[in-house]
Protein backbone atom coordinates (compact mmCIF):
# COMPACT_ATOMS: atom_id res chain seq x y z
CA UNK A 1 0.00 0.00 0.00
CA UNK A 2 1.38 3.38 -0.86
CA UNK A 3 -0.43 6.26 0.79
CA UNK A 4 1.43 9.53 1.20
CA UNK A 5 -0.04 12.34 3.23
CA UNK A 6 1.77 15.46 4.36
CA UNK A 7 -0.62 17.57 6.42
CA UNK A 8 -2.46 16.36 9.50
CA UNK A 9 -5.85 17.48 8.17
CA UNK A 10 -5.37 15.40 5.06
CA UNK A 11 -4.29 12.42 7.15
CA UNK A 12 -7.47 12.54 9.21
CA UNK A 13 -9.56 12.91 6.05
CA UNK A 14 -7.75 9.96 4.46
CA UNK A 15 -8.00 7.70 7.49
CA UNK A 16 -11.72 8.43 7.76
CA UNK A 17 -12.06 6.78 4.35
CA UNK A 18 -13.09 3.25 5.37
CA UNK A 19 -11.02 1.67 2.62
CA UNK A 20 -7.84 3.44 3.75
CA UNK A 21 -8.53 2.51 7.38
CA UNK A 22 -9.23 -1.08 6.35
CA UNK A 23 -5.92 -1.37 4.47
CA UNK A 24 -3.94 0.12 7.34
CA UNK A 25 -5.62 -2.22 9.84
CA UNK A 26 -5.00 -5.23 7.59
CA UNK A 27 -1.27 -4.52 7.51
CA UNK A 28 -1.18 -4.12 11.28
CA UNK A 29 -3.26 -7.22 12.00
CA UNK A 30 -1.10 -9.28 9.62
CA UNK A 31 2.04 -8.19 11.49
CA UNK A 32 0.51 -9.56 14.68
CA UNK A 33 -1.18 -12.71 13.36
CA UNK A 34 0.77 -13.48 10.19
CA UNK A 35 -0.99 -13.71 6.85
CA UNK A 36 -2.48 -17.18 7.44
CA UNK A 37 -3.54 -16.37 10.99
CA UNK A 38 -5.15 -13.17 9.82
CA UNK A 39 -7.03 -14.98 7.05
CA UNK A 40 -8.45 -17.50 9.54
CA UNK A 41 -9.22 -14.76 12.07
CA UNK A 42 -11.00 -12.69 9.43
CA UNK A 43 -12.97 -15.68 8.11
CA UNK A 44 -14.34 -16.66 11.52
CA UNK A 45 -15.14 -13.12 12.63
CA UNK A 46 -16.81 -12.35 9.31
CA UNK A 47 -19.09 -15.36 9.87
CA UNK A 48 -19.96 -14.17 13.38
CA UNK A 49 -20.35 -10.47 12.58
CA UNK A 50 -21.90 -10.78 9.13
CA UNK A 51 -19.48 -8.12 7.90
CA UNK A 52 -15.79 -7.40 7.46
CA UNK A 53 -14.22 -7.46 10.94
CA UNK A 54 -11.75 -4.71 9.99
CA UNK A 55 -14.63 -2.40 9.16
CA UNK A 56 -16.31 -3.39 12.42
CA UNK A 57 -13.13 -2.63 14.38
CA UNK A 58 -12.89 0.79 12.76
CA UNK A 59 -16.56 1.76 12.60
CA UNK A 60 -18.08 -0.06 15.60
CA UNK A 61 -15.30 -1.29 17.89
CA UNK A 62 -17.74 -2.65 20.46
CA UNK A 63 -19.38 -4.81 17.79
CA UNK A 64 -15.90 -6.08 16.88
CA UNK A 65 -15.21 -6.84 20.54
CA UNK A 66 -18.52 -8.69 20.89
CA UNK A 67 -17.53 -10.84 17.89
CA UNK A 68 -14.23 -11.60 19.60
CA UNK A 69 -16.13 -12.48 22.75
CA UNK A 70 -18.42 -14.85 20.91
CA UNK A 71 -15.44 -16.54 19.25
CA UNK A 72 -12.85 -16.58 22.08
CA UNK A 73 -14.99 -16.20 25.19
CA UNK A 74 -14.76 -13.23 27.55
CA UNK A 75 -11.16 -13.73 28.69
CA UNK A 76 -9.83 -14.53 25.22
CA UNK A 77 -11.64 -11.56 23.70
CA UNK A 78 -10.24 -9.19 26.30
CA UNK A 79 -6.67 -10.42 25.74
CA UNK A 80 -7.01 -10.36 21.93
CA UNK A 81 -8.48 -6.87 21.92
CA UNK A 82 -5.76 -5.57 24.22
CA UNK A 83 -3.00 -7.14 22.10
CA UNK A 84 -4.41 -5.50 18.96
CA UNK A 85 -4.78 -2.16 20.72
CA UNK A 86 -1.30 -2.47 22.23
CA UNK A 87 0.16 -2.78 18.74
CA UNK A 88 -1.84 0.25 17.55
CA UNK A 89 -0.69 2.25 20.56
CA UNK A 90 2.95 1.28 20.05
CA UNK A 91 2.89 2.14 16.34
CA UNK A 92 1.09 5.43 16.91
CA UNK A 93 3.36 6.54 19.73
CA UNK A 94 0.40 7.55 21.92
CA UNK A 95 2.21 6.44 25.06
CA UNK A 96 -0.24 8.11 27.45
CA UNK A 97 -2.79 5.49 26.40
CA UNK A 98 -2.70 1.85 27.48
CA UNK A 99 -4.63 -1.15 26.13
CA UNK A 100 -6.42 -1.36 29.50
CA UNK A 101 -7.45 2.30 29.33
CA UNK A 102 -8.69 1.95 25.74
CA UNK A 103 -10.67 -1.13 26.77
CA UNK A 104 -12.26 0.83 29.63
CA UNK A 105 -13.15 3.65 27.22
CA UNK A 106 -14.66 1.16 24.78
CA UNK A 107 -16.89 -0.30 27.48
CA UNK A 108 -18.08 3.19 28.53
CA UNK A 109 -18.24 5.12 25.26
CA UNK A 110 -17.91 3.46 21.86
CA UNK A 111 -17.87 6.81 20.04
CA UNK A 112 -14.90 8.00 22.09
CA UNK A 113 -13.11 4.68 21.51
CA UNK A 114 -13.71 4.99 17.78
CA UNK A 115 -12.26 8.50 17.75
CA UNK A 116 -9.16 7.29 19.59
CA UNK A 117 -8.77 4.46 17.06
CA UNK A 118 -9.08 6.97 14.20
CA UNK A 119 -6.47 9.19 15.87
CA UNK A 120 -4.09 6.24 16.29
CA UNK A 121 -4.53 5.14 12.68
CA UNK A 122 -3.96 8.69 11.45
CA UNK A 123 -0.76 8.94 13.48
CA UNK A 124 0.46 5.54 12.24
CA UNK A 125 -0.20 6.67 8.68
CA UNK A 126 1.56 9.99 9.31
CA UNK A 127 4.59 8.29 10.82
CA UNK A 128 4.74 5.52 8.22
CA UNK A 129 4.98 2.94 11.02
CA UNK A 130 4.42 -0.78 10.65
CA UNK A 131 5.02 -0.79 6.91
CA UNK A 132 2.26 1.75 6.35
CA UNK A 133 3.41 4.59 4.11
């Protein structure tokens, strides 16, 4: 994927494009799970959610989490979600945020969690981290 953005406003506009967000998330998820692991993960979550799990993560993170919960159980979903968020946090450099804090925000306010995810993705795109440029 080759996405070049130079001004922060353009980055936010680009990352709000679901296709751009989806591609960035795919690269990140594949770095965590590997290509085969990601394919299996995506297949099973798509069956449970009835939609692309990357879009669910970006657009409705609580729905994504509920799919994880249905697939992995409560403990497995919590760990999986925190691992994914930990990678996003590390790549974005938003060190004041932790996976636990983002999980707490998600449980209280999905809109706020979504905005944080958008901010992290925009920063990852801006920085060119994780193979995303």
